[in-house]
Amino acid sequence: MKRPTDSRTLWMAAGVAAVAAAAGPAAAQSQEIRGAVTFEGGTVIPQGQLKIYLEDRSIRDEARRRAAITRIQSDGKSTTLAFSLSAPATLPPSPTLQIVARLERADGWLLARGSTPFESGPPVSVKLNAATY
């Protein structure tokens, strides 16, 4: 035999639904950052490992300075490489926040580096400049 639903159960269900509705849009979700990497002069991006990450230069602690990293393998034949990066949900706004791209050989030797200020919204473009030693 099924028990009739009392008013306490209805109020409890309504409260849970209200909390879920209020938290839904405000719930922290990671932001997808999309963009493309090119090489100086529009030439082919050299072969190597491309690391792309968010960096806030104002943070002194190295462990917290970099956030969200992605890696892309460059075959040495493309002039543009597209990327997507998931930014942390708790990303505080900062004028010193930037997207950094580093191209390294397999042995870790830096070939090129580029950065651009982070702006939420449109796809970003990062231009790699050859490293000089």
Protein backbone atom coordinates (compact mmCIF):
# COMPACT_ATOMS: atom_id res chain seq x y z
CA MET A 1 0.00 0.00 0.00
CA LYS A 2 1.34 3.40 -0.99
CA ARG A 3 1.65 6.08 1.69
CA PRO A 4 0.14 9.47 0.93
CA THR A 5 2.66 12.30 0.45
CA ASP A 6 2.60 14.72 3.37
CA SER A 7 3.30 18.46 3.20
CA ARG A 8 6.72 18.08 4.86
CA THR A 9 7.94 15.87 1.99
CA LEU A 10 6.61 18.34 -0.58
CA TRP A 11 8.35 21.30 1.09
CA MET A 12 11.58 19.35 1.33
CA ALA A 13 11.44 18.44 -2.37
CA ALA A 14 10.66 22.05 -3.29
CA GLY A 15 13.64 23.24 -1.22
CA VAL A 16 16.02 20.78 -2.91
CA ALA A 17 14.75 21.84 -6.34
CA ALA A 18 15.20 25.52 -5.48
CA VAL A 19 18.77 24.98 -4.29
CA ALA A 20 19.60 22.96 -7.41
CA ALA A 21 18.10 25.63 -9.68
CA ALA A 22 19.98 28.42 -7.93
CA ALA A 23 23.30 26.54 -7.99
CA GLY A 24 22.95 25.38 -11.59
CA PRO A 25 24.02 28.53 -13.43
CA ALA A 26 26.32 29.67 -10.65
CA ALA A 27 28.06 26.33 -10.28
CA ALA A 28 31.73 26.55 -11.10
CA GLN A 29 32.52 25.11 -14.49
CA SER A 30 35.78 25.16 -16.34
CA GLN A 31 36.07 27.58 -19.22
CA GLU A 32 37.22 26.33 -22.60
CA ILE A 33 39.93 28.49 -24.16
CA ARG A 34 40.46 28.02 -27.88
CA GLY A 35 43.12 29.44 -30.12
CA ALA A 36 45.87 28.93 -32.64
CA VAL A 37 49.67 29.04 -32.60
CA THR A 38 51.73 30.37 -35.51
CA PHE A 39 55.45 30.85 -36.07
CA GLU A 40 57.14 34.20 -36.73
CA GLY A 41 57.03 35.25 -40.34
CA GLY A 42 54.21 32.78 -41.08
CA THR A 43 56.72 29.99 -41.68
CA VAL A 44 56.33 26.33 -40.76
CA ILE A 45 56.35 25.53 -37.04
CA PRO A 46 59.46 23.40 -36.35
CA GLN A 47 59.13 19.82 -35.18
CA GLY A 48 58.83 19.42 -31.42
CA GLN A 49 56.59 19.38 -28.36
CA LEU A 50 54.37 22.45 -27.93
CA LYS A 51 53.32 23.23 -24.35
CA ILE A 52 50.52 25.75 -23.91
CA TYR A 53 49.46 26.98 -20.49
CA LEU A 54 48.03 29.87 -18.48
CA GLU A 55 50.56 31.81 -16.42
CA ASP A 56 50.15 34.67 -13.98
CA ARG A 57 53.48 36.49 -13.67
CA SER A 58 52.37 38.30 -10.51
CA ILE A 59 52.23 35.04 -8.49
CA ARG A 60 55.59 34.28 -6.87
CA ASP A 61 54.83 30.65 -5.95
CA GLU A 62 55.96 28.49 -8.90
CA ALA A 63 53.46 25.73 -8.03
CA ARG A 64 50.50 28.13 -8.32
CA ARG A 65 51.90 30.37 -11.07
CA ARG A 66 50.95 28.06 -13.93
CA ALA A 67 47.49 26.67 -14.50
CA ALA A 68 45.88 24.47 -17.12
CA ILE A 69 48.38 22.95 -19.50
CA THR A 70 47.99 21.16 -22.81
CA ARG A 71 50.57 19.57 -25.07
CA ILE A 72 50.56 19.31 -28.85
CA GLN A 73 53.07 17.52 -31.04
CA SER A 74 54.32 19.55 -34.03
CA ASP A 75 55.30 17.46 -37.04
CA GLY A 76 57.29 20.29 -38.64
CA LYS A 77 54.88 20.62 -41.57
CA SER A 78 52.12 22.96 -40.31
CA THR A 79 52.04 26.75 -40.29
CA THR A 80 49.21 26.88 -37.73
CA LEU A 81 48.30 24.57 -34.85
CA ALA A 82 44.91 24.84 -33.17
CA PHE A 83 44.55 24.19 -29.44
CA SER A 84 41.99 24.12 -26.67
CA LEU A 85 42.72 24.57 -23.01
CA SER A 86 40.44 24.07 -20.01
CA ALA A 87 40.89 26.97 -17.63
CA PRO A 88 40.28 26.27 -13.93
CA ALA A 89 36.81 27.14 -12.68
CA THR A 90 38.26 29.38 -9.98
CA LEU A 91 40.35 31.52 -12.31
CA PRO A 92 40.60 34.98 -10.74
CA PRO A 93 40.64 37.93 -13.14
CA SER A 94 44.13 39.38 -13.42
CA PRO A 95 45.76 41.88 -15.79
CA THR A 96 48.99 39.82 -15.67
CA LEU A 97 47.35 36.54 -16.74
CA GLN A 98 48.66 35.33 -20.08
CA ILE A 99 48.64 32.33 -22.37
CA VAL A 100 52.15 31.01 -22.98
CA ALA A 101 53.29 28.63 -25.71
CA ARG A 102 56.71 26.93 -25.59
CA LEU A 103 58.09 24.77 -28.39
CA GLU A 104 60.77 22.33 -27.20
CA ARG A 105 62.80 19.59 -28.86
CA ALA A 106 62.56 16.04 -27.55
CA ASP A 107 65.60 16.67 -25.32
CA GLY A 108 63.91 19.70 -23.70
CA TRP A 109 65.87 22.36 -25.58
CA LEU A 110 63.74 25.50 -26.12
CA LEU A 111 63.17 26.24 -29.82
CA ALA A 112 60.58 29.02 -29.63
CA ARG A 113 58.33 30.85 -27.17
CA GLY A 114 55.36 33.16 -27.43
CA SER A 115 52.68 34.65 -25.21
CA THR A 116 49.59 36.81 -25.36
CA PRO A 117 47.44 38.42 -22.66
CA PHE A 118 44.45 36.29 -21.68
CA GLU A 119 41.07 37.68 -22.62
CA SER A 120 37.93 35.70 -21.98
CA GLY A 121 35.78 35.10 -25.00
CA PRO A 122 37.19 35.10 -28.54
CA PRO A 123 39.78 32.60 -29.77
CA VAL A 124 43.33 33.67 -28.99
CA SER A 125 46.33 33.82 -31.28
CA VAL A 126 49.86 33.13 -30.04
CA LYS A 127 52.87 33.84 -32.24
CA LEU A 128 56.02 31.83 -31.53
CA ASN A 129 59.35 33.62 -31.76
CA ALA A 130 62.53 31.62 -32.29
CA ALA A 131 64.72 31.33 -29.19
CA THR A 132 68.15 32.84 -29.50
CA TYR A 133 71.06 31.66 -27.40
